[in-house]
Amino acid sequence: MRMRLRFCCSFFLVSVLAVAVNAQPWPTKPVRLISPFAPGGPTDLLGRPVGAKLQEAFGQPFVIDYKAGASGNIGADHVAKSPADGYTFLLITGSFTTAPSAQQSLPYDTLKDFIGVSPLARGHSLLVVNPRIPARDLKALVALAKAQPGKLSYASSGAGGIVHLGMEQFKLAAGINMLHVPYKGVGPALQDVIGGYVDLMFIGASPSIAQIKAGKVRALAVASPQRSAAFPDTPTVAELGYPNFEISSNYGVLAAAAVPRAIISRMNAALEKALSHPDIKKAYAGFGVDPWWDTPERFTAWIAEDVARWARVAKAINYQPSY
């Protein structure tokens, strides 16, 4: 009887302590939103307005912290290995789900080391070219590439990323050869396409919409399943003879897998409120994307499904990672 009483008392104390820990306020200090790409990219543009709304909701700064490099893997690894205290989150693009099949090894496990908090946005990807390129449409671009094998160059946000794999998939479908020029982020890649150092690239609408409207780059096709509301007259790649081709420009927020579920739930609820706010809807429309919220469970499942999809693409194009 005495042993049973001692056990019950111990269990009660542990339970009380657990409740007390979980009841501690969060956040009590600034929260970092890790952008794994250079400033000026979509994680930066989409993360800032949401960070401002989160700061309003929680009364603590939500700071964009840039850790660019290795196609986003440096930033992702930093979050995977950060203390699981809810003060470090990862902003992701579609490149996060290409990494497992696009690289020989990763310093983290994409499916085991992270949990989805919520998606942020769905966007359209566009094929843009420097205005000096004479091709005015996709058919003309393919003809130009065939006439000058290996002369045209395309930029990406990093080797093994979604833009790189997507273009390699398109090259295979179109039967063309172009030179790949990788960058540490979408922003620097786009700037060199604008400057004429590289000829073209696939890019999300969010970082390119202003440059397209200003005539600094020309949009030839939409790589998403549907046409973009911002460019309704620009046809999709599928419409132009390449069915089932898609580079989805999706964004979201992840946390290390061990972060307490109570914090994940609070962040998810705050993101739902932020993404439904008229200010965010207006800002995101200006970036050419639509706000997208979902539960942690469904977003985590979506990530697993997209990892499997890009693994199938990598196999179809016989992609051999160089690192």
C-alpha atoms as a PDB file:
ATOM      1  CA  MET A   1       0.000   0.000   0.000  1.00  0.00           C
ATOM      2  CA  ARG A   2       2.802   2.422   0.921  1.00  0.00           C
ATOM      3  CA  MET A   3       4.619   1.716  -2.360  1.00  0.00           C
ATOM      4  CA  ARG A   4       1.426   2.271  -4.322  1.00  0.00           C
ATOM      5  CA  LEU A   5       0.806   5.557  -2.518  1.00  0.00           C
ATOM      6  CA  ARG A   6       4.374   6.677  -3.199  1.00  0.00           C
ATOM      7  CA  PHE A   7       3.971   5.799  -6.879  1.00  0.00           C
ATOM      8  CA  CYS A   8       0.698   7.698  -7.140  1.00  0.00           C
ATOM      9  CA  CYS A   9       2.216  10.765  -5.465  1.00  0.00           C
ATOM     10  CA  SER A  10       5.202  10.649  -7.808  1.00  0.00           C
ATOM     11  CA  PHE A  11       2.955  10.309 -10.838  1.00  0.00           C
ATOM     12  CA  PHE A  12       0.829  13.218  -9.642  1.00  0.00           C
ATOM     13  CA  LEU A  13       3.889  15.448  -9.164  1.00  0.00           C
ATOM     14  CA  VAL A  14       5.236  14.608 -12.625  1.00  0.00           C
ATOM     15  CA  SER A  15       1.853  15.370 -14.150  1.00  0.00           C
ATOM     16  CA  VAL A  16       1.607  18.685 -12.331  1.00  0.00           C
ATOM     17  CA  LEU A  17       5.108  19.657 -13.445  1.00  0.00           C
ATOM     18  CA  ALA A  18       4.301  18.723 -17.052  1.00  0.00           C
ATOM     19  CA  VAL A  19       1.169  20.834 -16.989  1.00  0.00           C
ATOM     20  CA  ALA A  20       3.109  23.710 -15.452  1.00  0.00           C
ATOM     21  CA  VAL A  21       5.780  23.529 -18.146  1.00  0.00           C
ATOM     22  CA  ASN A  22       3.182  23.423 -20.906  1.00  0.00           C
ATOM     23  CA  ALA A  23       1.334  26.335 -19.310  1.00  0.00           C
ATOM     24  CA  GLN A  24       4.380  28.592 -19.398  1.00  0.00           C
ATOM     25  CA  PRO A  25       3.808  31.609 -21.662  1.00  0.00           C
ATOM     26  CA  TRP A  26       5.149  31.529 -25.199  1.00  0.00           C
ATOM     27  CA  PRO A  27       6.743  33.503 -26.683  1.00  0.00           C
ATOM     28  CA  THR A  28       8.619  35.509 -24.088  1.00  0.00           C
ATOM     29  CA  LYS A  29      11.400  36.662 -26.443  1.00  0.00           C
ATOM     30  CA  PRO A  30      11.941  37.300 -30.181  1.00  0.00           C
ATOM     31  CA  VAL A  31      11.143  34.433 -32.558  1.00  0.00           C
ATOM     32  CA  ARG A  32      13.304  33.780 -35.630  1.00  0.00           C
ATOM     33  CA  LEU A  33      11.853  32.879 -39.013  1.00  0.00           C
ATOM     34  CA  ILE A  34      14.786  31.327 -40.870  1.00  0.00           C
ATOM     35  CA  SER A  35      14.929  32.179 -44.564  1.00  0.00           C
ATOM     36  CA  PRO A  36      17.240  29.619 -46.224  1.00  0.00           C
ATOM     37  CA  PHE A  37      17.795  31.897 -49.217  1.00  0.00           C
ATOM     38  CA  ALA A  38      19.261  35.347 -49.802  1.00  0.00           C
ATOM     39  CA  PRO A  39      17.256  38.543 -49.181  1.00  0.00           C
ATOM     40  CA  GLY A  40      14.855  39.488 -51.952  1.00  0.00           C
ATOM     41  CA  GLY A  41      13.594  35.960 -52.567  1.00  0.00           C
ATOM     42  CA  PRO A  42      10.046  34.693 -51.996  1.00  0.00           C
ATOM     43  CA  THR A  43      10.635  33.476 -48.433  1.00  0.00           C
ATOM     44  CA  ASP A  44      11.697  37.031 -47.626  1.00  0.00           C
ATOM     45  CA  LEU A  45       8.827  38.740 -49.446  1.00  0.00           C
ATOM     46  CA  LEU A  46       6.146  36.425 -48.071  1.00  0.00           C
ATOM     47  CA  GLY A  47       7.619  36.027 -44.601  1.00  0.00           C
ATOM     48  CA  ARG A  48       7.851  39.714 -43.725  1.00  0.00           C
ATOM     49  CA  PRO A  49       4.131  40.650 -43.793  1.00  0.00           C
ATOM     50  CA  VAL A  50       3.202  37.457 -41.946  1.00  0.00           C
ATOM     51  CA  GLY A  51       5.947  38.114 -39.391  1.00  0.00           C
ATOM     52  CA  ALA A  52       4.442  41.547 -38.748  1.00  0.00           C
ATOM     53  CA  LYS A  53       1.026  40.008 -38.078  1.00  0.00           C
ATOM     54  CA  LEU A  54       2.539  37.397 -35.767  1.00  0.00           C
ATOM     55  CA  GLN A  55       4.282  40.152 -33.851  1.00  0.00           C
ATOM     56  CA  GLU A  56       0.931  41.895 -33.417  1.00  0.00           C
ATOM     57  CA  ALA A  57      -0.664  38.662 -32.219  1.00  0.00           C
ATOM     58  CA  PHE A  58       2.016  37.624 -29.724  1.00  0.00           C
ATOM     59  CA  GLY A  59       3.617  40.921 -28.714  1.00  0.00           C
ATOM     60  CA  GLN A  60       7.128  39.707 -29.562  1.00  0.00           C
ATOM     61  CA  PRO A  61       9.293  40.398 -32.630  1.00  0.00           C
ATOM     62  CA  PHE A  62       9.225  37.780 -35.398  1.00  0.00           C
ATOM     63  CA  VAL A  63      12.531  38.380 -37.176  1.00  0.00           C
ATOM     64  CA  ILE A  64      13.565  37.135 -40.643  1.00  0.00           C
ATOM     65  CA  ASP A  65      17.016  35.561 -40.236  1.00  0.00           C
ATOM     66  CA  TYR A  66      18.883  34.725 -43.482  1.00  0.00           C
ATOM     67  CA  LYS A  67      20.943  31.545 -43.641  1.00  0.00           C
ATOM     68  CA  ALA A  68      21.429  31.015 -47.363  1.00  0.00           C
ATOM     69  CA  GLY A  69      23.397  28.362 -49.202  1.00  0.00           C
ATOM     70  CA  ALA A  70      23.377  24.774 -50.476  1.00  0.00           C
ATOM     71  CA  SER A  71      19.927  25.094 -52.098  1.00  0.00           C
ATOM     72  CA  GLY A  72      18.373  25.979 -48.761  1.00  0.00           C
ATOM     73  CA  ASN A  73      19.974  23.143 -46.813  1.00  0.00           C
ATOM     74  CA  ILE A  74      22.077  25.361 -44.541  1.00  0.00           C
ATOM     75  CA  GLY A  75      18.984  27.095 -43.198  1.00  0.00           C
ATOM     76  CA  ALA A  76      17.009  23.860 -42.948  1.00  0.00           C
ATOM     77  CA  ASP A  77      19.813  22.108 -41.069  1.00  0.00           C
ATOM     78  CA  HIS A  78      20.061  25.053 -38.685  1.00  0.00           C
ATOM     79  CA  VAL A  79      16.371  24.713 -37.774  1.00  0.00           C
ATOM     80  CA  ALA A  80      16.551  20.914 -37.506  1.00  0.00           C
ATOM     81  CA  LYS A  81      19.356  21.225 -34.964  1.00  0.00           C
ATOM     82  CA  SER A  82      18.019  24.259 -33.082  1.00  0.00           C
ATOM     83  CA  PRO A  83      16.602  23.912 -29.560  1.00  0.00           C
ATOM     84  CA  ALA A  84      13.044  22.605 -29.769  1.00  0.00           C
ATOM     85  CA  ASP A  85      11.689  25.555 -27.789  1.00  0.00           C
ATOM     86  CA  GLY A  86       9.512  27.223 -30.424  1.00  0.00           C
ATOM     87  CA  TYR A  87      11.801  30.180 -31.080  1.00  0.00           C
ATOM     88  CA  THR A  88      13.135  29.035 -34.467  1.00  0.00           C
ATOM     89  CA  PHE A  89      10.974  28.250 -37.504  1.00  0.00           C
ATOM     90  CA  LEU A  90      11.821  27.524 -41.134  1.00  0.00           C
ATOM     91  CA  LEU A  91      10.326  29.283 -44.154  1.00  0.00           C
ATOM     92  CA  ILE A  92      10.308  26.891 -47.117  1.00  0.00           C
ATOM     93  CA  THR A  93       9.809  26.953 -50.860  1.00  0.00           C
ATOM     94  CA  GLY A  94       9.237  23.994 -53.157  1.00  0.00           C
ATOM     95  CA  SER A  95      12.983  23.305 -53.161  1.00  0.00           C
ATOM     96  CA  PHE A  96      12.640  21.792 -49.694  1.00  0.00           C
ATOM     97  CA  THR A  97      10.799  18.781 -51.106  1.00  0.00           C
ATOM     98  CA  THR A  98      13.202  18.244 -54.017  1.00  0.00           C
ATOM     99  CA  ALA A  99      16.277  18.028 -51.792  1.00  0.00           C
ATOM    100  CA  PRO A 100      16.005  14.332 -50.767  1.00  0.00           C
ATOM    101  CA  SER A 101      16.078  13.096 -54.365  1.00  0.00           C
ATOM    102  CA  ALA A 102      18.239  15.864 -55.810  1.00  0.00           C
ATOM    103  CA  GLN A 103      21.282  15.504 -53.550  1.00  0.00           C
ATOM    104  CA  GLN A 104      23.453  12.595 -52.540  1.00  0.00           C
ATOM    105  CA  SER A 105      23.012  13.217 -48.836  1.00  0.00           C
ATOM    106  CA  LEU A 106      21.443  15.731 -46.480  1.00  0.00           C
ATOM    107  CA  PRO A 107      22.546  16.739 -42.981  1.00  0.00           C
ATOM    108  CA  TYR A 108      18.965  16.230 -41.806  1.00  0.00           C
ATOM    109  CA  ASP A 109      16.005  13.928 -42.467  1.00  0.00           C
ATOM    110  CA  THR A 110      13.337  15.815 -44.411  1.00  0.00           C
ATOM    111  CA  LEU A 111      10.442  13.731 -43.116  1.00  0.00           C
ATOM    112  CA  LYS A 112      11.619  12.891 -39.595  1.00  0.00           C
ATOM    113  CA  ASP A 113      13.338  16.065 -38.383  1.00  0.00           C
ATOM    114  CA  PHE A 114      10.526  18.518 -39.158  1.00  0.00           C
ATOM    115  CA  ILE A 115       6.842  19.033 -38.572  1.00  0.00           C
ATOM    116  CA  GLY A 116       4.607  21.193 -40.716  1.00  0.00           C
ATOM    117  CA  VAL A 117       3.184  24.263 -39.007  1.00  0.00           C
ATOM    118  CA  SER A 118       1.141  25.575 -41.943  1.00  0.00           C
ATOM    119  CA  PRO A 119       1.508  26.404 -45.614  1.00  0.00           C
ATOM    120  CA  LEU A 120       1.684  30.119 -46.415  1.00  0.00           C
ATOM    121  CA  ALA A 121       0.872  30.514 -50.099  1.00  0.00           C
ATOM    122  CA  ARG A 122       0.274  28.906 -53.447  1.00  0.00           C
ATOM    123  CA  GLY A 123       1.832  30.682 -56.371  1.00  0.00           C
ATOM    124  CA  HIS A 124       2.484  30.478 -60.076  1.00  0.00           C
ATOM    125  CA  SER A 125       5.862  29.780 -61.630  1.00  0.00           C
ATOM    126  CA  LEU A 126       6.779  31.552 -64.848  1.00  0.00           C
ATOM    127  CA  LEU A 127       9.378  31.023 -67.549  1.00  0.00           C
ATOM    128  CA  VAL A 128      11.044  34.420 -68.023  1.00  0.00           C
ATOM    129  CA  VAL A 129      13.751  35.523 -70.452  1.00  0.00           C
ATOM    130  CA  ASN A 130      15.960  38.572 -70.784  1.00  0.00           C
ATOM    131  CA  PRO A 131      14.359  40.973 -73.309  1.00  0.00           C
ATOM    132  CA  ARG A 132      17.361  40.724 -75.655  1.00  0.00           C
ATOM    133  CA  ILE A 133      16.449  37.077 -76.350  1.00  0.00           C
ATOM    134  CA  PRO A 134      14.588  37.224 -79.689  1.00  0.00           C
ATOM    135  CA  ALA A 135      12.094  34.479 -78.813  1.00  0.00           C
ATOM    136  CA  ARG A 136       8.633  35.941 -78.174  1.00  0.00           C
ATOM    137  CA  ASP A 137       6.993  32.668 -77.179  1.00  0.00           C
ATOM    138  CA  LEU A 138       7.904  29.199 -75.926  1.00  0.00           C
ATOM    139  CA  LYS A 139       7.878  27.597 -79.367  1.00  0.00           C
ATOM    140  CA  ALA A 140      10.391  30.157 -80.627  1.00  0.00           C
ATOM    141  CA  LEU A 141      12.575  29.669 -77.551  1.00  0.00           C
ATOM    142  CA  VAL A 142      12.698  25.901 -78.095  1.00  0.00           C
ATOM    143  CA  ALA A 143      13.570  26.450 -81.765  1.00  0.00           C
ATOM    144  CA  LEU A 144      16.346  28.860 -80.785  1.00  0.00           C
ATOM    145  CA  ALA A 145      17.752  26.397 -78.255  1.00  0.00           C
ATOM    146  CA  LYS A 146      17.722  23.597 -80.826  1.00  0.00           C
ATOM    147  CA  ALA A 147      19.491  25.796 -83.374  1.00  0.00           C
ATOM    148  CA  GLN A 148      22.202  26.728 -80.854  1.00  0.00           C
ATOM    149  CA  PRO A 149      22.720  23.704 -78.553  1.00  0.00           C
ATOM    150  CA  GLY A 150      24.307  24.644 -75.240  1.00  0.00           C
ATOM    151  CA  LYS A 151      24.521  28.370 -76.032  1.00  0.00           C
ATOM    152  CA  LEU A 152      21.508  29.541 -74.046  1.00  0.00           C
ATOM    153  CA  SER A 153      21.907  29.593 -70.259  1.00  0.00           C
ATOM    154  CA  TYR A 154      19.381  29.327 -67.459  1.00  0.00           C
ATOM    155  CA  ALA A 155      19.620  30.402 -63.833  1.00  0.00           C
ATOM    156  CA  SER A 156      18.374  28.589 -60.752  1.00  0.00           C
ATOM    157  CA  SER A 157      18.229  29.289 -57.030  1.00  0.00           C
ATOM    158  CA  GLY A 158      20.653  26.418 -56.454  1.00  0.00           C
ATOM    159  CA  ALA A 159      21.721  23.067 -57.874  1.00  0.00           C
ATOM    160  CA  GLY A 160      19.216  20.353 -57.019  1.00  0.00           C
ATOM    161  CA  GLY A 161      16.420  22.814 -56.269  1.00  0.00           C
ATOM    162  CA  ILE A 162      12.942  22.841 -57.750  1.00  0.00           C
ATOM    163  CA  VAL A 163      13.900  25.364 -60.460  1.00  0.00           C
ATOM    164  CA  HIS A 164      16.906  23.275 -61.486  1.00  0.00           C
ATOM    165  CA  LEU A 165      15.061  19.945 -61.579  1.00  0.00           C
ATOM    166  CA  GLY A 166      12.070  21.553 -63.257  1.00  0.00           C
ATOM    167  CA  MET A 167      14.184  23.007 -66.060  1.00  0.00           C
ATOM    168  CA  GLU A 168      16.012  19.719 -66.542  1.00  0.00           C
ATOM    169  CA  GLN A 169      12.629  18.027 -66.855  1.00  0.00           C
ATOM    170  CA  PHE A 170      11.593  20.597 -69.459  1.00  0.00           C
ATOM    171  CA  LYS A 171      14.870  20.215 -71.382  1.00  0.00           C
ATOM    172  CA  LEU A 172      14.212  16.488 -71.607  1.00  0.00           C
ATOM    173  CA  ALA A 173      10.630  16.998 -72.763  1.00  0.00           C
ATOM    174  CA  ALA A 174      11.609  19.627 -75.361  1.00  0.00           C
ATOM    175  CA  GLY A 175      14.767  17.880 -76.542  1.00  0.00           C
ATOM    176  CA  ILE A 176      17.018  20.886 -75.955  1.00  0.00           C
ATOM    177  CA  ASN A 177      20.343  21.595 -74.237  1.00  0.00           C
ATOM    178  CA  MET A 178      21.089  24.698 -72.148  1.00  0.00           C
ATOM    179  CA  LEU A 179      23.797  25.662 -69.657  1.00  0.00           C
ATOM    180  CA  HIS A 180      22.829  25.649 -65.964  1.00  0.00           C
ATOM    181  CA  VAL A 181      24.070  28.573 -63.821  1.00  0.00           C
ATOM    182  CA  PRO A 182      23.216  28.032 -60.116  1.00  0.00           C
ATOM    183  CA  TYR A 183      22.906  30.866 -57.582  1.00  0.00           C
ATOM    184  CA  LYS A 184      22.440  31.119 -53.818  1.00  0.00           C
ATOM    185  CA  GLY A 185      18.844  32.227 -53.999  1.00  0.00           C
ATOM    186  CA  VAL A 186      16.153  33.477 -56.340  1.00  0.00           C
ATOM    187  CA  GLY A 187      16.997  37.163 -55.900  1.00  0.00           C
ATOM    188  CA  PRO A 188      20.574  37.021 -57.237  1.00  0.00           C
ATOM    189  CA  ALA A 189      19.506  34.651 -60.038  1.00  0.00           C
ATOM    190  CA  LEU A 190      16.778  37.009 -61.219  1.00  0.00           C
ATOM    191  CA  GLN A 191      19.109  40.001 -61.090  1.00  0.00           C
ATOM    192  CA  ASP A 192      21.542  38.290 -63.457  1.00  0.00           C
ATOM    193  CA  VAL A 193      18.739  37.383 -65.860  1.00  0.00           C
ATOM    194  CA  ILE A 194      17.687  41.041 -65.804  1.00  0.00           C
ATOM    195  CA  GLY A 195      21.309  42.085 -66.349  1.00  0.00           C
ATOM    196  CA  GLY A 196      21.698  39.725 -69.299  1.00  0.00           C
ATOM    197  CA  TYR A 197      24.425  37.619 -67.710  1.00  0.00           C
ATOM    198  CA  VAL A 198      22.054  34.616 -67.917  1.00  0.00           C
ATOM    199  CA  ASP A 199      19.333  34.199 -70.529  1.00  0.00           C
ATOM    200  CA  LEU A 200      16.319  32.759 -68.733  1.00  0.00           C
ATOM    201  CA  MET A 201      14.882  30.921 -65.725  1.00  0.00           C
ATOM    202  CA  PHE A 202      11.756  29.491 -64.164  1.00  0.00           C
ATOM    203  CA  ILE A 203      10.746  31.691 -61.238  1.00  0.00           C
ATOM    204  CA  GLY A 204       7.803  32.191 -58.920  1.00  0.00           C
ATOM    205  CA  ALA A 205       5.518  35.119 -59.687  1.00  0.00           C
ATOM    206  CA  SER A 206       6.152  36.699 -56.280  1.00  0.00           C
ATOM    207  CA  PRO A 207       9.721  37.935 -56.894  1.00  0.00           C
ATOM    208  CA  SER A 208       9.261  38.555 -60.620  1.00  0.00           C
ATOM    209  CA  ILE A 209       5.878  40.204 -61.116  1.00  0.00           C
ATOM    210  CA  ALA A 210       7.203  43.772 -60.788  1.00  0.00           C
ATOM    211  CA  GLN A 211      10.140  43.044 -63.105  1.00  0.00           C
ATOM    212  CA  ILE A 212       7.852  41.551 -65.751  1.00  0.00           C
ATOM    213  CA  LYS A 213       5.473  44.508 -65.652  1.00  0.00           C
ATOM    214  CA  ALA A 214       8.448  46.879 -65.874  1.00  0.00           C
ATOM    215  CA  GLY A 215       9.685  45.070 -68.995  1.00  0.00           C
ATOM    216  CA  LYS A 216      12.960  44.003 -67.408  1.00  0.00           C
ATOM    217  CA  VAL A 217      12.178  40.351 -68.207  1.00  0.00           C
ATOM    218  CA  ARG A 218       9.626  38.788 -70.555  1.00  0.00           C
ATOM    219  CA  ALA A 219       7.252  36.015 -69.453  1.00  0.00           C
ATOM    220  CA  LEU A 220       6.825  33.272 -72.055  1.00  0.00           C
ATOM    221  CA  ALA A 221       4.814  30.642 -70.190  1.00  0.00           C
ATOM    222  CA  VAL A 222       3.273  29.676 -66.859  1.00  0.00           C
ATOM    223  CA  ALA A 223       4.680  26.480 -65.356  1.00  0.00           C
ATOM    224  CA  SER A 224       1.773  26.018 -62.928  1.00  0.00           C
ATOM    225  CA  PRO A 225      -1.340  23.968 -63.791  1.00  0.00           C
ATOM    226  CA  GLN A 226      -3.491  27.095 -64.272  1.00  0.00           C
ATOM    227  CA  ARG A 227      -2.829  30.488 -65.817  1.00  0.00           C
ATOM    228  CA  SER A 228      -1.823  33.301 -63.512  1.00  0.00           C
ATOM    229  CA  ALA A 229      -4.431  35.944 -62.677  1.00  0.00           C
ATOM    230  CA  ALA A 230      -1.639  38.515 -62.862  1.00  0.00           C
ATOM    231  CA  PHE A 231      -0.803  37.438 -66.451  1.00  0.00           C
ATOM    232  CA  PRO A 232      -4.031  35.957 -67.872  1.00  0.00           C
ATOM    233  CA  ASP A 233      -2.790  36.123 -71.470  1.00  0.00           C
ATOM    234  CA  THR A 234       0.334  34.047 -70.755  1.00  0.00           C
ATOM    235  CA  PRO A 235      -0.353  30.370 -71.603  1.00  0.00           C
ATOM    236  CA  THR A 236       0.745  27.449 -69.471  1.00  0.00           C
ATOM    237  CA  VAL A 237       3.571  25.129 -70.490  1.00  0.00           C
ATOM    238  CA  ALA A 238       1.009  22.318 -70.624  1.00  0.00           C
ATOM    239  CA  GLU A 239      -1.154  24.317 -73.051  1.00  0.00           C
ATOM    240  CA  LEU A 240       1.874  24.771 -75.297  1.00  0.00           C
ATOM    241  CA  GLY A 241       2.415  21.073 -75.840  1.00  0.00           C
ATOM    242  CA  TYR A 242       4.079  19.727 -72.711  1.00  0.00           C
ATOM    243  CA  PRO A 243       1.322  18.016 -70.705  1.00  0.00           C
ATOM    244  CA  ASN A 244       1.731  17.122 -67.043  1.00  0.00           C
ATOM    245  CA  PHE A 245       4.588  19.602 -66.679  1.00  0.00           C
ATOM    246  CA  GLU A 246       4.394  21.534 -63.431  1.00  0.00           C
ATOM    247  CA  ILE A 247       6.635  23.581 -61.194  1.00  0.00           C
ATOM    248  CA  SER A 248       4.433  24.572 -58.285  1.00  0.00           C
ATOM    249  CA  SER A 249       5.523  27.622 -56.362  1.00  0.00           C
ATOM    250  CA  ASN A 250       4.374  26.724 -52.842  1.00  0.00           C
ATOM    251  CA  TYR A 251       5.558  28.143 -49.527  1.00  0.00           C
ATOM    252  CA  GLY A 252       5.157  27.251 -45.877  1.00  0.00           C
ATOM    253  CA  VAL A 253       6.424  27.194 -42.302  1.00  0.00           C
ATOM    254  CA  LEU A 254       8.081  24.229 -40.575  1.00  0.00           C
ATOM    255  CA  ALA A 255       9.458  23.590 -37.100  1.00  0.00           C
ATOM    256  CA  ALA A 256      11.825  21.039 -35.653  1.00  0.00           C
ATOM    257  CA  ALA A 257       9.922  17.822 -35.012  1.00  0.00           C
ATOM    258  CA  ALA A 258      10.384  17.972 -31.236  1.00  0.00           C
ATOM    259  CA  VAL A 259       8.817  21.421 -30.774  1.00  0.00           C
ATOM    260  CA  PRO A 260       5.873  21.042 -28.335  1.00  0.00           C
ATOM    261  CA  ARG A 261       2.558  20.530 -30.090  1.00  0.00           C
ATOM    262  CA  ALA A 262       0.987  23.270 -27.978  1.00  0.00           C
ATOM    263  CA  ILE A 263       3.332  25.800 -29.590  1.00  0.00           C
ATOM    264  CA  ILE A 264       2.723  24.356 -33.064  1.00  0.00           C
ATOM    265  CA  SER A 265      -1.024  24.731 -32.497  1.00  0.00           C
ATOM    266  CA  ARG A 266      -0.696  28.340 -31.325  1.00  0.00           C
ATOM    267  CA  MET A 267       1.470  29.234 -34.319  1.00  0.00           C
ATOM    268  CA  ASN A 268      -0.939  27.494 -36.680  1.00  0.00           C
ATOM    269  CA  ALA A 269      -3.934  29.376 -35.266  1.00  0.00           C
ATOM    270  CA  ALA A 270      -2.076  32.693 -35.497  1.00  0.00           C
ATOM    271  CA  LEU A 271      -1.085  31.951 -39.098  1.00  0.00           C
ATOM    272  CA  GLU A 272      -4.680  31.120 -40.008  1.00  0.00           C
ATOM    273  CA  LYS A 273      -5.769  34.493 -38.644  1.00  0.00           C
ATOM    274  CA  ALA A 274      -2.884  36.321 -40.338  1.00  0.00           C
ATOM    275  CA  LEU A 275      -3.426  34.689 -43.738  1.00  0.00           C
ATOM    276  CA  SER A 276      -7.119  35.582 -43.694  1.00  0.00           C
ATOM    277  CA  HIS A 277      -6.402  39.249 -42.945  1.00  0.00           C
ATOM    278  CA  PRO A 278      -7.166  41.698 -45.800  1.00  0.00           C
ATOM    279  CA  ASP A 279      -3.666  43.221 -45.500  1.00  0.00           C
ATOM    280  CA  ILE A 280      -2.022  39.855 -46.160  1.00  0.00           C
ATOM    281  CA  LYS A 281      -4.404  39.019 -48.996  1.00  0.00           C
ATOM    282  CA  LYS A 282      -3.610  42.353 -50.642  1.00  0.00           C
ATOM    283  CA  ALA A 283       0.137  41.986 -50.135  1.00  0.00           C
ATOM    284  CA  TYR A 284       0.174  38.417 -51.441  1.00  0.00           C
ATOM    285  CA  ALA A 285      -1.931  39.362 -54.472  1.00  0.00           C
ATOM    286  CA  GLY A 286       0.739  41.929 -55.296  1.00  0.00           C
ATOM    287  CA  PHE A 287       3.300  39.103 -55.218  1.00  0.00           C
ATOM    288  CA  GLY A 288       1.167  36.930 -57.503  1.00  0.00           C
ATOM    289  CA  VAL A 289       0.351  34.274 -54.889  1.00  0.00           C
ATOM    290  CA  ASP A 290      -2.735  33.181 -52.963  1.00  0.00           C
ATOM    291  CA  PRO A 291      -2.717  32.748 -49.163  1.00  0.00           C
ATOM    292  CA  TRP A 292      -2.918  29.063 -48.218  1.00  0.00           C
ATOM    293  CA  TRP A 293      -3.557  27.804 -44.718  1.00  0.00           C
ATOM    294  CA  ASP A 294      -3.963  24.212 -43.530  1.00  0.00           C
ATOM    295  CA  THR A 295      -3.596  22.131 -40.388  1.00  0.00           C
ATOM    296  CA  PRO A 296      -0.167  20.903 -39.253  1.00  0.00           C
ATOM    297  CA  GLU A 297      -1.212  17.312 -39.932  1.00  0.00           C
ATOM    298  CA  ARG A 298      -2.362  17.904 -43.502  1.00  0.00           C
ATOM    299  CA  PHE A 299       0.606  20.130 -44.333  1.00  0.00           C
ATOM    300  CA  THR A 300       3.036  17.521 -42.997  1.00  0.00           C
ATOM    301  CA  ALA A 301       1.302  14.898 -45.167  1.00  0.00           C
ATOM    302  CA  TRP A 302       1.477  17.205 -48.214  1.00  0.00           C
ATOM    303  CA  ILE A 303       5.239  17.575 -47.742  1.00  0.00           C
ATOM    304  CA  ALA A 304       5.657  13.785 -47.774  1.00  0.00           C
ATOM    305  CA  GLU A 305       3.571  13.535 -50.956  1.00  0.00           C
ATOM    306  CA  ASP A 306       5.611  16.239 -52.714  1.00  0.00           C
ATOM    307  CA  VAL A 307       8.888  14.571 -51.714  1.00  0.00           C
ATOM    308  CA  ALA A 308       7.621  11.405 -53.416  1.00  0.00           C
ATOM    309  CA  ARG A 309       6.529  13.356 -56.531  1.00  0.00           C
ATOM    310  CA  TRP A 310       9.952  14.923 -57.075  1.00  0.00           C
ATOM    311  CA  ALA A 311      11.624  11.577 -56.483  1.00  0.00           C
ATOM    312  CA  ARG A 312       9.635  10.260 -59.441  1.00  0.00           C
ATOM    313  CA  VAL A 313      10.721  13.265 -61.553  1.00  0.00           C
ATOM    314  CA  ALA A 314      14.398  12.785 -60.643  1.00  0.00           C
ATOM    315  CA  LYS A 315      14.152   9.141 -61.672  1.00  0.00           C
ATOM    316  CA  ALA A 316      12.404  10.003 -64.953  1.00  0.00           C
ATOM    317  CA  ILE A 317      15.149  12.434 -66.011  1.00  0.00           C
ATOM    318  CA  ASN A 318      17.901  10.177 -64.620  1.00  0.00           C
ATOM    319  CA  TYR A 319      19.165  13.028 -62.473  1.00  0.00           C
ATOM    320  CA  GLN A 320      22.561  12.308 -60.921  1.00  0.00           C
ATOM    321  CA  PRO A 321      23.399  14.653 -58.027  1.00  0.00           C
ATOM    322  CA  SER A 322      26.909  16.048 -58.141  1.00  0.00           C
ATOM    323  CA  TYR A 323      27.119  16.638 -54.391  1.00  0.00           C
END
